Amino acid sequence: MVKNDKHRTRALITKERKEIEISENALNLITRFQDTVHDTAIEYHRKLRDKEMSKSALDEIEGIGEKKKELLLKEFSSIEEIRDADIRELTKIKGINEELARKIKENLK
């Protein structure tokens, strides 16, 4: 592919670097493909970034999935508040037994 000064494809070339004549319709189709691939790549990287930004210390604790993480953060609103909570307070959260509460406390020290 040969790009113009605005980084848009303006032609295709062979291995020998000879320009291949293509119709404007074909060139427009290639441009749409490139735009779609570009948009897909951007969306993928945004999802990766958003996922990375939503990580917390809770993600490292075995037995804590998205649902329990969500319930904990809804109840306590921050990792610091979860860390400062006592075992009894943590076990009030659905799905968190005393063993898991102790594991949470240990991991958030």
PDB file of N, CA and C in Angstrom:
ATOM      1  N   MET A   1       0.845  -1.182   0.000  1.00  0.00           N
ATOM      2  CA  MET A   1       0.000   0.000   0.000  1.00  0.00           C
ATOM      3  C   MET A   1       0.885   1.239   0.000  1.00  0.00           C
ATOM      4  N   VAL A   2       0.454   2.196  -0.754  1.00  0.00           N
ATOM      5  CA  VAL A   2       1.149   3.475  -0.800  1.00  0.00           C
ATOM      6  C   VAL A   2       0.223   4.494  -0.147  1.00  0.00           C
ATOM      7  N   LYS A   3       0.753   5.224   0.807  1.00  0.00           N
ATOM      8  CA  LYS A   3      -0.046   6.208   1.540  1.00  0.00           C
ATOM      9  C   LYS A   3       0.226   7.610   1.007  1.00  0.00           C
ATOM     10  N   ASN A   4      -0.784   8.477   1.139  1.00  0.00           N
ATOM     11  CA  ASN A   4      -0.579   9.877   0.788  1.00  0.00           C
ATOM     12  C   ASN A   4      -0.088  10.632   2.019  1.00  0.00           C
ATOM     13  N   ASP A   5       0.026  11.947   1.915  1.00  0.00           N
ATOM     14  CA  ASP A   5       0.558  12.732   3.031  1.00  0.00           C
ATOM     15  C   ASP A   5      -0.388  12.793   4.230  1.00  0.00           C
ATOM     16  N   LYS A   6      -1.634  12.329   4.049  1.00  0.00           N
ATOM     17  CA  LYS A   6      -2.594  12.281   5.162  1.00  0.00           C
ATOM     18  C   LYS A   6      -2.756  10.849   5.687  1.00  0.00           C
ATOM     19  N   HIS A   7      -1.796   9.997   5.315  1.00  0.00           N
ATOM     20  CA  HIS A   7      -1.735   8.603   5.741  1.00  0.00           C
ATOM     21  C   HIS A   7      -2.942   7.792   5.260  1.00  0.00           C
ATOM     22  N   ARG A   8      -3.489   8.143   4.126  1.00  0.00           N
ATOM     23  CA  ARG A   8      -4.583   7.399   3.504  1.00  0.00           C
ATOM     24  C   ARG A   8      -4.010   6.601   2.338  1.00  0.00           C
ATOM     25  N   THR A   9      -4.506   5.402   2.131  1.00  0.00           N
ATOM     26  CA  THR A   9      -4.029   4.589   1.014  1.00  0.00           C
ATOM     27  C   THR A   9      -4.426   5.254  -0.300  1.00  0.00           C
ATOM     28  N   ARG A  10      -3.437   5.423  -1.176  1.00  0.00           N
ATOM     29  CA  ARG A  10      -3.722   6.024  -2.482  1.00  0.00           C
ATOM     30  C   ARG A  10      -3.489   5.050  -3.620  1.00  0.00           C
ATOM     31  N   ALA A  11      -2.760   3.924  -3.332  1.00  0.00           N
ATOM     32  CA  ALA A  11      -2.498   2.924  -4.365  1.00  0.00           C
ATOM     33  C   ALA A  11      -1.974   1.644  -3.729  1.00  0.00           C
ATOM     34  N   LEU A  12      -1.993   0.590  -4.528  1.00  0.00           N
ATOM     35  CA  LEU A  12      -1.391  -0.675  -4.137  1.00  0.00           C
ATOM     36  C   LEU A  12      -0.165  -0.894  -5.010  1.00  0.00           C
ATOM     37  N   ILE A  13       0.827  -1.617  -4.473  1.00  0.00           N
ATOM     38  CA  ILE A  13       2.033  -1.889  -5.265  1.00  0.00           C
ATOM     39  C   ILE A  13       2.363  -3.372  -5.206  1.00  0.00           C
ATOM     40  N   THR A  14       3.124  -3.836  -6.198  1.00  0.00           N
ATOM     41  CA  THR A  14       3.582  -5.226  -6.235  1.00  0.00           C
ATOM     42  C   THR A  14       4.857  -5.355  -5.430  1.00  0.00           C
ATOM     43  N   LYS A  15       5.379  -6.593  -5.321  1.00  0.00           N
ATOM     44  CA  LYS A  15       6.658  -6.814  -4.640  1.00  0.00           C
ATOM     45  C   LYS A  15       7.778  -6.037  -5.313  1.00  0.00           C
ATOM     46  N   GLU A  16       7.633  -5.871  -6.614  1.00  0.00           N
ATOM     47  CA  GLU A  16       8.661  -5.151  -7.385  1.00  0.00           C
ATOM     48  C   GLU A  16       8.480  -3.640  -7.284  1.00  0.00           C
ATOM     49  N   ARG A  17       7.538  -3.224  -6.476  1.00  0.00           N
ATOM     50  CA  ARG A  17       7.246  -1.817  -6.203  1.00  0.00           C
ATOM     51  C   ARG A  17       6.646  -1.102  -7.412  1.00  0.00           C
ATOM     52  N   LYS A  18       5.912  -1.855  -8.232  1.00  0.00           N
ATOM     53  CA  LYS A  18       5.188  -1.259  -9.359  1.00  0.00           C
ATOM     54  C   LYS A  18       3.760  -1.006  -8.919  1.00  0.00           C
ATOM     55  N   GLU A  19       3.262   0.163  -9.219  1.00  0.00           N
ATOM     56  CA  GLU A  19       1.920   0.548  -8.810  1.00  0.00           C
ATOM     57  C   GLU A  19       0.872  -0.222  -9.609  1.00  0.00           C
ATOM     58  N   ILE A  20      -0.138  -0.723  -8.907  1.00  0.00           N
ATOM     59  CA  ILE A  20      -1.241  -1.459  -9.533  1.00  0.00           C
ATOM     60  C   ILE A  20      -2.401  -0.491  -9.709  1.00  0.00           C
ATOM     61  N   GLU A  21      -2.947  -0.465 -10.893  1.00  0.00           N
ATOM     62  CA  GLU A  21      -4.100   0.408 -11.127  1.00  0.00           C
ATOM     63  C   GLU A  21      -5.333  -0.244 -10.529  1.00  0.00           C
ATOM     64  N   ILE A  22      -6.048   0.514  -9.737  1.00  0.00           N
ATOM     65  CA  ILE A  22      -7.306   0.033  -9.174  1.00  0.00           C
ATOM     66  C   ILE A  22      -8.343   1.132  -9.312  1.00  0.00           C
ATOM     67  N   SER A  23      -9.583   0.716  -9.345  1.00  0.00           N
ATOM     68  CA  SER A  23     -10.669   1.688  -9.506  1.00  0.00           C
ATOM     69  C   SER A  23     -10.860   2.482  -8.221  1.00  0.00           C
ATOM     70  N   GLU A  24     -11.535   3.579  -8.360  1.00  0.00           N
ATOM     71  CA  GLU A  24     -11.831   4.404  -7.178  1.00  0.00           C
ATOM     72  C   GLU A  24     -12.737   3.648  -6.213  1.00  0.00           C
ATOM     73  N   ASN A  25     -13.658   2.837  -6.748  1.00  0.00           N
ATOM     74  CA  ASN A  25     -14.549   2.039  -5.891  1.00  0.00           C
ATOM     75  C   ASN A  25     -13.743   1.038  -5.060  1.00  0.00           C
ATOM     76  N   ALA A  26     -12.773   0.388  -5.686  1.00  0.00           N
ATOM     77  CA  ALA A  26     -11.931  -0.574  -4.961  1.00  0.00           C
ATOM     78  C   ALA A  26     -11.111   0.148  -3.900  1.00  0.00           C
ATOM     79  N   LEU A  27     -10.589   1.308  -4.242  1.00  0.00           N
ATOM     80  CA  LEU A  27      -9.801   2.088  -3.290  1.00  0.00           C
ATOM     81  C   LEU A  27     -10.668   2.527  -2.106  1.00  0.00           C
ATOM     82  N   ASN A  28     -11.903   2.921  -2.379  1.00  0.00           N
ATOM     83  CA  ASN A  28     -12.829   3.296  -1.306  1.00  0.00           C
ATOM     84  C   ASN A  28     -13.147   2.106  -0.408  1.00  0.00           C
ATOM     85  N   LEU A  29     -13.285   0.913  -1.019  1.00  0.00           N
ATOM     86  CA  LEU A  29     -13.543  -0.296  -0.240  1.00  0.00           C
ATOM     87  C   LEU A  29     -12.361  -0.608   0.678  1.00  0.00           C
ATOM     88  N   ILE A  30     -11.157  -0.503   0.146  1.00  0.00           N
ATOM     89  CA  ILE A  30      -9.952  -0.724   0.952  1.00  0.00           C
ATOM     90  C   ILE A  30      -9.900   0.268   2.110  1.00  0.00           C
ATOM     91  N   THR A  31     -10.223   1.513   1.830  1.00  0.00           N
ATOM     92  CA  THR A  31     -10.226   2.546   2.866  1.00  0.00           C
ATOM     93  C   THR A  31     -11.239   2.218   3.957  1.00  0.00           C
ATOM     94  N   ARG A  32     -12.425   1.741   3.571  1.00  0.00           N
ATOM     95  CA  ARG A  32     -13.438   1.356   4.578  1.00  0.00           C
ATOM     96  C   ARG A  32     -12.945   0.193   5.435  1.00  0.00           C
ATOM     97  N   PHE A  33     -12.285  -0.783   4.797  1.00  0.00           N
ATOM     98  CA  PHE A  33     -11.711  -1.894   5.565  1.00  0.00           C
ATOM     99  C   PHE A  33     -10.691  -1.374   6.574  1.00  0.00           C
ATOM    100  N   GLN A  34      -9.804  -0.522   6.121  1.00  0.00           N
ATOM    101  CA  GLN A  34      -8.773   0.027   7.017  1.00  0.00           C
ATOM    102  C   GLN A  34      -9.401   0.804   8.163  1.00  0.00           C
ATOM    103  N   ASP A  35     -10.421   1.602   7.860  1.00  0.00           N
ATOM    104  CA  ASP A  35     -11.091   2.374   8.908  1.00  0.00           C
ATOM    105  C   ASP A  35     -11.749   1.456   9.933  1.00  0.00           C
ATOM    106  N   THR A  36     -12.367   0.381   9.449  1.00  0.00           N
ATOM    107  CA  THR A  36     -13.024  -0.574  10.348  1.00  0.00           C
ATOM    108  C   THR A  36     -11.999  -1.271  11.245  1.00  0.00           C
ATOM    109  N   VAL A  37     -10.902  -1.698  10.658  1.00  0.00           N
ATOM    110  CA  VAL A  37      -9.841  -2.349  11.441  1.00  0.00           C
ATOM    111  C   VAL A  37      -9.288  -1.372  12.472  1.00  0.00           C
ATOM    112  N   HIS A  38      -9.070  -0.143  12.070  1.00  0.00           N
ATOM    113  CA  HIS A  38      -8.555   0.880  12.983  1.00  0.00           C
ATOM    114  C   HIS A  38      -9.520   1.116  14.141  1.00  0.00           C
ATOM    115  N   ASP A  39     -10.814   1.254  13.834  1.00  0.00           N
ATOM    116  CA  ASP A  39     -11.822   1.471  14.880  1.00  0.00           C
ATOM    117  C   ASP A  39     -11.899   0.285  15.837  1.00  0.00           C
ATOM    118  N   THR A  40     -11.806  -0.933  15.294  1.00  0.00           N
ATOM    119  CA  THR A  40     -11.840  -2.143  16.123  1.00  0.00           C
ATOM    120  C   THR A  40     -10.633  -2.186  17.057  1.00  0.00           C
ATOM    121  N   ALA A  41      -9.470  -1.844  16.535  1.00  0.00           N
ATOM    122  CA  ALA A  41      -8.246  -1.843  17.358  1.00  0.00           C
ATOM    123  C   ALA A  41      -8.352  -0.811  18.477  1.00  0.00           C
ATOM    124  N   ILE A  42      -8.847   0.359  18.166  1.00  0.00           N
ATOM    125  CA  ILE A  42      -8.999   1.411  19.188  1.00  0.00           C
ATOM    126  C   ILE A  42      -9.965   0.953  20.271  1.00  0.00           C
ATOM    127  N   GLU A  43     -11.096   0.374  19.877  1.00  0.00           N
ATOM    128  CA  GLU A  43     -12.089  -0.096  20.848  1.00  0.00           C
ATOM    129  C   GLU A  43     -11.498  -1.197  21.739  1.00  0.00           C
ATOM    130  N   TYR A  44     -10.726  -2.105  21.150  1.00  0.00           N
ATOM    131  CA  TYR A  44     -10.088  -3.176  21.909  1.00  0.00           C
ATOM    132  C   TYR A  44      -9.134  -2.597  22.950  1.00  0.00           C
ATOM    133  N   HIS A  45      -8.322  -1.648  22.557  1.00  0.00           N
ATOM    134  CA  HIS A  45      -7.364  -1.049  23.492  1.00  0.00           C
ATOM    135  C   HIS A  45      -8.065  -0.240  24.581  1.00  0.00           C
ATOM    136  N   ARG A  46      -9.181   0.376  24.251  1.00  0.00           N
ATOM    137  CA  ARG A  46      -9.964   1.084  25.281  1.00  0.00           C
ATOM    138  C   ARG A  46     -10.497   0.100  26.313  1.00  0.00           C
ATOM    139  N   LYS A  47     -10.995  -1.041  25.840  1.00  0.00           N
ATOM    140  CA  LYS A  47     -11.504  -2.053  26.768  1.00  0.00           C
ATOM    141  C   LYS A  47     -10.392  -2.570  27.675  1.00  0.00           C
ATOM    142  N   LEU A  48      -9.210  -2.807  27.095  1.00  0.00           N
ATOM    143  CA  LEU A  48      -8.072  -3.240  27.910  1.00  0.00           C
ATOM    144  C   LEU A  48      -7.717  -2.195  28.955  1.00  0.00           C
ATOM    145  N   ARG A  49      -7.676  -0.932  28.547  1.00  0.00           N
ATOM    146  CA  ARG A  49      -7.334   0.152  29.465  1.00  0.00           C
ATOM    147  C   ARG A  49      -8.372   0.256  30.579  1.00  0.00           C
ATOM    148  N   ASP A  50      -9.661   0.205  30.203  1.00  0.00           N
ATOM    149  CA  ASP A  50     -10.724   0.297  31.207  1.00  0.00           C
ATOM    150  C   ASP A  50     -10.666  -0.863  32.189  1.00  0.00           C
ATOM    151  N   LYS A  51     -10.380  -2.055  31.667  1.00  0.00           N
ATOM    152  CA  LYS A  51     -10.275  -3.226  32.542  1.00  0.00           C
ATOM    153  C   LYS A  51      -9.108  -3.063  33.504  1.00  0.00           C
ATOM    154  N   GLU A  52      -7.983  -2.593  33.000  1.00  0.00           N
ATOM    155  CA  GLU A  52      -6.791  -2.388  33.832  1.00  0.00           C
ATOM    156  C   GLU A  52      -7.058  -1.331  34.902  1.00  0.00           C
ATOM    157  N   MET A  53      -7.802  -0.292  34.528  1.00  0.00           N
ATOM    158  CA  MET A  53      -8.074   0.788  35.475  1.00  0.00           C
ATOM    159  C   MET A  53      -9.045   0.361  36.571  1.00  0.00           C
ATOM    160  N   SER A  54      -9.857  -0.667  36.303  1.00  0.00           N
ATOM    161  CA  SER A  54     -10.831  -1.092  37.307  1.00  0.00           C
ATOM    162  C   SER A  54     -10.293  -2.200  38.212  1.00  0.00           C
ATOM    163  N   LYS A  55      -9.037  -2.549  38.048  1.00  0.00           N
ATOM    164  CA  LYS A  55      -8.434  -3.562  38.910  1.00  0.00           C
ATOM    165  C   LYS A  55      -8.231  -3.013  40.309  1.00  0.00           C
ATOM    166  N   SER A  56      -8.277  -3.910  41.280  1.00  0.00           N
ATOM    167  CA  SER A  56      -8.024  -3.502  42.658  1.00  0.00           C
ATOM    168  C   SER A  56      -7.319  -4.643  43.382  1.00  0.00           C
ATOM    169  N   ALA A  57      -6.949  -4.386  44.602  1.00  0.00           N
ATOM    170  CA  ALA A  57      -6.288  -5.397  45.426  1.00  0.00           C
ATOM    171  C   ALA A  57      -7.213  -6.598  45.640  1.00  0.00           C
ATOM    172  N   LEU A  58      -8.506  -6.386  45.533  1.00  0.00           N
ATOM    173  CA  LEU A  58      -9.459  -7.483  45.714  1.00  0.00           C
ATOM    174  C   LEU A  58      -9.331  -8.530  44.611  1.00  0.00           C
ATOM    175  N   ASP A  59      -8.889  -8.112  43.429  1.00  0.00           N
ATOM    176  CA  ASP A  59      -8.747  -9.040  42.308  1.00  0.00           C
ATOM    177  C   ASP A  59      -7.691 -10.102  42.565  1.00  0.00           C
ATOM    178  N   GLU A  60      -6.794  -9.840  43.483  1.00  0.00           N
ATOM    179  CA  GLU A  60      -5.703 -10.770  43.778  1.00  0.00           C
ATOM    180  C   GLU A  60      -6.086 -11.803  44.835  1.00  0.00           C
ATOM    181  N   ILE A  61      -7.265 -11.676  45.413  1.00  0.00           N
ATOM    182  CA  ILE A  61      -7.681 -12.568  46.499  1.00  0.00           C
ATOM    183  C   ILE A  61      -8.500 -13.719  45.934  1.00  0.00           C
ATOM    184  N   GLU A  62      -8.005 -14.939  46.156  1.00  0.00           N
ATOM    185  CA  GLU A  62      -8.725 -16.122  45.693  1.00  0.00           C
ATOM    186  C   GLU A  62     -10.066 -16.202  46.419  1.00  0.00           C
ATOM    187  N   GLY A  63     -11.123 -16.404  45.660  1.00  0.00           N
ATOM    188  CA  GLY A  63     -12.459 -16.486  46.244  1.00  0.00           C
ATOM    189  C   GLY A  63     -13.258 -15.212  46.081  1.00  0.00           C
ATOM    190  N   ILE A  64     -12.599 -14.161  45.606  1.00  0.00           N
ATOM    191  CA  ILE A  64     -13.293 -12.901  45.355  1.00  0.00           C
ATOM    192  C   ILE A  64     -13.438 -12.735  43.846  1.00  0.00           C
ATOM    193  N   GLY A  65     -14.664 -12.842  43.384  1.00  0.00           N
ATOM    194  CA  GLY A  65     -14.958 -12.613  41.976  1.00  0.00           C
ATOM    195  C   GLY A  65     -15.548 -11.223  41.799  1.00  0.00           C
ATOM    196  N   GLU A  66     -16.005 -10.971  40.602  1.00  0.00           N
ATOM    197  CA  GLU A  66     -16.572  -9.649  40.300  1.00  0.00           C
ATOM    198  C   GLU A  66     -17.766  -9.322  41.188  1.00  0.00           C
ATOM    199  N   LYS A  67     -18.632 -10.306  41.421  1.00  0.00           N
ATOM    200  CA  LYS A  67     -19.847 -10.060  42.205  1.00  0.00           C
ATOM    201  C   LYS A  67     -19.515  -9.693  43.657  1.00  0.00           C
ATOM    202  N   LYS A  68     -18.644 -10.477  44.289  1.00  0.00           N
ATOM    203  CA  LYS A  68     -18.277 -10.181  45.689  1.00  0.00           C
ATOM    204  C   LYS A  68     -17.502  -8.874  45.769  1.00  0.00           C
ATOM    205  N   LYS A  69     -16.648  -8.637  44.802  1.00  0.00           N
ATOM    206  CA  LYS A  69     -15.907  -7.374  44.754  1.00  0.00           C
ATOM    207  C   LYS A  69     -16.889  -6.198  44.688  1.00  0.00           C
ATOM    208  N   GLU A  70     -17.879  -6.341  43.826  1.00  0.00           N
ATOM    209  CA  GLU A  70     -18.895  -5.290  43.667  1.00  0.00           C
ATOM    210  C   GLU A  70     -19.670  -5.069  44.972  1.00  0.00           C
ATOM    211  N   LEU A  71     -20.063  -6.159  45.621  1.00  0.00           N
ATOM    212  CA  LEU A  71     -20.805  -6.052  46.886  1.00  0.00           C
ATOM    213  C   LEU A  71     -19.957  -5.397  47.976  1.00  0.00           C
ATOM    214  N   LEU A  72     -18.686  -5.802  48.057  1.00  0.00           N
ATOM    215  CA  LEU A  72     -17.786  -5.214  49.053  1.00  0.00           C
ATOM    216  C   LEU A  72     -17.617  -3.712  48.835  1.00  0.00           C
ATOM    217  N   LEU A  73     -17.363  -3.336  47.593  1.00  0.00           N
ATOM    218  CA  LEU A  73     -17.141  -1.914  47.306  1.00  0.00           C
ATOM    219  C   LEU A  73     -18.425  -1.095  47.444  1.00  0.00           C
ATOM    220  N   LYS A  74     -19.557  -1.735  47.198  1.00  0.00           N
ATOM    221  CA  LYS A  74     -20.834  -1.037  47.385  1.00  0.00           C
ATOM    222  C   LYS A  74     -21.078  -0.765  48.875  1.00  0.00           C
ATOM    223  N   GLU A  75     -20.747  -1.752  49.698  1.00  0.00           N
ATOM    224  CA  GLU A  75     -20.968  -1.624  51.139  1.00  0.00           C
ATOM    225  C   GLU A  75     -19.937  -0.718  51.809  1.00  0.00           C
ATOM    226  N   PHE A  76     -18.671  -0.870  51.440  1.00  0.00           N
ATOM    227  CA  PHE A  76     -17.602  -0.158  52.141  1.00  0.00           C
ATOM    228  C   PHE A  76     -17.023   1.030  51.361  1.00  0.00           C
ATOM    229  N   SER A  77     -17.289   1.092  50.070  1.00  0.00           N
ATOM    230  CA  SER A  77     -16.918   2.204  49.172  1.00  0.00           C
ATOM    231  C   SER A  77     -15.427   2.400  48.872  1.00  0.00           C
ATOM    232  N   SER A  78     -14.531   1.715  49.578  1.00  0.00           N
ATOM    233  CA  SER A  78     -13.110   1.821  49.234  1.00  0.00           C
ATOM    234  C   SER A  78     -12.349   0.630  49.806  1.00  0.00           C
ATOM    235  N   ILE A  79     -11.188   0.375  49.241  1.00  0.00           N
ATOM    236  CA  ILE A  79     -10.321  -0.699  49.739  1.00  0.00           C
ATOM    237  C   ILE A  79      -9.902  -0.410  51.172  1.00  0.00           C
ATOM    238  N   GLU A  80      -9.646   0.862  51.459  1.00  0.00           N
ATOM    239  CA  GLU A  80      -9.229   1.250  52.819  1.00  0.00           C
ATOM    240  C   GLU A  80     -10.310   0.913  53.837  1.00  0.00           C
ATOM    241  N   GLU A  81     -11.568   1.170  53.489  1.00  0.00           N
ATOM    242  CA  GLU A  81     -12.664   0.860  54.413  1.00  0.00           C
ATOM    243  C   GLU A  81     -12.820  -0.650  54.592  1.00  0.00           C
ATOM    244  N   ILE A  82     -12.610  -1.389  53.522  1.00  0.00           N
ATOM    245  CA  ILE A  82     -12.668  -2.859  53.625  1.00  0.00           C
ATOM    246  C   ILE A  82     -11.544  -3.344  54.525  1.00  0.00           C
ATOM    247  N   ARG A  83     -10.341  -2.803  54.330  1.00  0.00           N
ATOM    248  CA  ARG A  83      -9.184  -3.177  55.144  1.00  0.00           C
ATOM    249  C   ARG A  83      -9.446  -2.869  56.629  1.00  0.00           C
ATOM    250  N   ASP A  84     -10.105  -1.754  56.910  1.00  0.00           N
ATOM    251  CA  ASP A  84     -10.347  -1.342  58.298  1.00  0.00           C
ATOM    252  C   ASP A  84     -11.545  -2.038  58.948  1.00  0.00           C
ATOM    253  N   ALA A  85     -12.359  -2.699  58.128  1.00  0.00           N
ATOM    254  CA  ALA A  85     -13.535  -3.382  58.676  1.00  0.00           C
ATOM    255  C   ALA A  85     -13.095  -4.605  59.471  1.00  0.00           C
ATOM    256  N   ASP A  86     -13.914  -4.990  60.456  1.00  0.00           N
ATOM    257  CA  ASP A  86     -13.571  -6.205  61.188  1.00  0.00           C
ATOM    258  C   ASP A  86     -14.227  -7.419  60.512  1.00  0.00           C
ATOM    259  N   ILE A  87     -13.827  -8.593  60.953  1.00  0.00           N
ATOM    260  CA  ILE A  87     -14.287  -9.848  60.355  1.00  0.00           C
ATOM    261  C   ILE A  87     -15.811  -9.929  60.367  1.00  0.00           C
ATOM    262  N   ARG A  88     -16.408  -9.548  61.460  1.00  0.00           N
ATOM    263  CA  ARG A  88     -17.869  -9.603  61.612  1.00  0.00           C
ATOM    264  C   ARG A  88     -18.560  -8.744  60.558  1.00  0.00           C
ATOM    265  N   GLU A  89     -18.023  -7.550  60.312  1.00  0.00           N
ATOM    266  CA  GLU A  89     -18.615  -6.659  59.301  1.00  0.00           C
ATOM    267  C   GLU A  89     -18.492  -7.262  57.900  1.00  0.00           C
ATOM    268  N   LEU A  90     -17.351  -7.871  57.635  1.00  0.00           N
ATOM    269  CA  LEU A  90     -17.145  -8.463  56.311  1.00  0.00           C
ATOM    270  C   LEU A  90     -18.075  -9.643  56.061  1.00  0.00           C
ATOM    271  N   THR A  91     -18.338 -10.443  57.109  1.00  0.00           N
ATOM    272  CA  THR A  91     -19.190 -11.625  56.936  1.00  0.00           C
ATOM    273  C   THR A  91     -20.662 -11.263  56.728  1.00  0.00           C
ATOM    274  N   LYS A  92     -21.014 -10.022  56.914  1.00  0.00           N
ATOM    275  CA  LYS A  92     -22.388  -9.576  56.640  1.00  0.00           C
ATOM    276  C   LYS A  92     -22.650  -9.488  55.134  1.00  0.00           C
ATOM    277  N   ILE A  93     -21.567  -9.482  54.356  1.00  0.00           N
ATOM    278  CA  ILE A  93     -21.703  -9.413  52.902  1.00  0.00           C
ATOM    279  C   ILE A  93     -22.057 -10.799  52.380  1.00  0.00           C
ATOM    280  N   LYS A  94     -23.062 -10.876  51.528  1.00  0.00           N
ATOM    281  CA  LYS A  94     -23.516 -12.149  50.958  1.00  0.00           C
ATOM    282  C   LYS A  94     -22.346 -12.872  50.286  1.00  0.00           C
ATOM    283  N   GLY A  95     -22.168 -14.149  50.676  1.00  0.00           N
ATOM    284  CA  GLY A  95     -21.139 -14.976  50.058  1.00  0.00           C
ATOM    285  C   GLY A  95     -19.779 -14.926  50.740  1.00  0.00           C
ATOM    286  N   ILE A  96     -19.663 -14.094  51.779  1.00  0.00           N
ATOM    287  CA  ILE A  96     -18.370 -14.002  52.469  1.00  0.00           C
ATOM    288  C   ILE A  96     -18.491 -14.651  53.844  1.00  0.00           C
ATOM    289  N   ASN A  97     -17.811 -15.781  53.981  1.00  0.00           N
ATOM    290  CA  ASN A  97     -17.801 -16.466  55.272  1.00  0.00           C
ATOM    291  C   ASN A  97     -16.592 -15.992  56.078  1.00  0.00           C
ATOM    292  N   GLU A  98     -16.442 -16.535  57.275  1.00  0.00           N
ATOM    293  CA  GLU A  98     -15.358 -16.093  58.152  1.00  0.00           C
ATOM    294  C   GLU A  98     -13.978 -16.384  57.550  1.00  0.00           C
ATOM    295  N   GLU A  99     -13.832 -17.531  56.914  1.00  0.00           N
ATOM    296  CA  GLU A  99     -12.548 -17.894  56.312  1.00  0.00           C
ATOM    297  C   GLU A  99     -12.166 -16.897  55.205  1.00  0.00           C
ATOM    298  N   LEU A 100     -13.125 -16.574  54.347  1.00  0.00           N
ATOM    299  CA  LEU A 100     -12.849 -15.615  53.270  1.00  0.00           C
ATOM    300  C   LEU A 100     -12.598 -14.218  53.836  1.00  0.00           C
ATOM    301  N   ALA A 101     -13.330 -13.861  54.886  1.00  0.00           N
ATOM    302  CA  ALA A 101     -13.123 -12.547  55.520  1.00  0.00           C
ATOM    303  C   ALA A 101     -11.699 -12.452  56.071  1.00  0.00           C
ATOM    304  N   ARG A 102     -11.215 -13.525  56.671  1.00  0.00           N
ATOM    305  CA  ARG A 102      -9.833 -13.530  57.191  1.00  0.00           C
ATOM    306  C   ARG A 102      -8.826 -13.421  56.043  1.00  0.00           C
ATOM    307  N   LYS A 103      -9.114 -14.092  54.942  1.00  0.00           N
ATOM    308  CA  LYS A 103      -8.242 -14.029  53.771  1.00  0.00           C
ATOM    309  C   LYS A 103      -8.202 -12.588  53.219  1.00  0.00           C
ATOM    310  N   ILE A 104      -9.340 -11.949  53.202  1.00  0.00           N
ATOM    311  CA  ILE A 104      -9.421 -10.547  52.738  1.00  0.00           C
ATOM    312  C   ILE A 104      -8.570  -9.672  53.633  1.00  0.00           C
ATOM    313  N   LYS A 105      -8.756  -9.810  54.946  1.00  0.00           N
ATOM    314  CA  LYS A 105      -7.997  -8.996  55.902  1.00  0.00           C
ATOM    315  C   LYS A 105      -6.492  -9.215  55.722  1.00  0.00           C
ATOM    316  N   GLU A 106      -6.098 -10.481  55.574  1.00  0.00           N
ATOM    317  CA  GLU A 106      -4.670 -10.815  55.434  1.00  0.00           C
ATOM    318  C   GLU A 106      -4.088 -10.192  54.155  1.00  0.00           C
ATOM    319  N   ASN A 107      -4.833 -10.277  53.080  1.00  0.00           N
ATOM    320  CA  ASN A 107      -4.333  -9.763  51.800  1.00  0.00           C
ATOM    321  C   ASN A 107      -4.320  -8.241  51.711  1.00  0.00           C
ATOM    322  N   LEU A 108      -5.143  -7.590  52.502  1.00  0.00           N
ATOM    323  CA  LEU A 108      -5.220  -6.121  52.431  1.00  0.00           C
ATOM    324  C   LEU A 108      -4.358  -5.429  53.477  1.00  0.00           C
ATOM    325  N   LYS A 109      -3.564  -6.192  54.238  1.00  0.00           N
ATOM    326  CA  LYS A 109      -2.689  -5.576  55.245  1.00  0.00           C
ATOM    327  C   LYS A 109      -1.749  -4.587  54.609  1.00  0.00           C
TER     328      LYS A 109
END
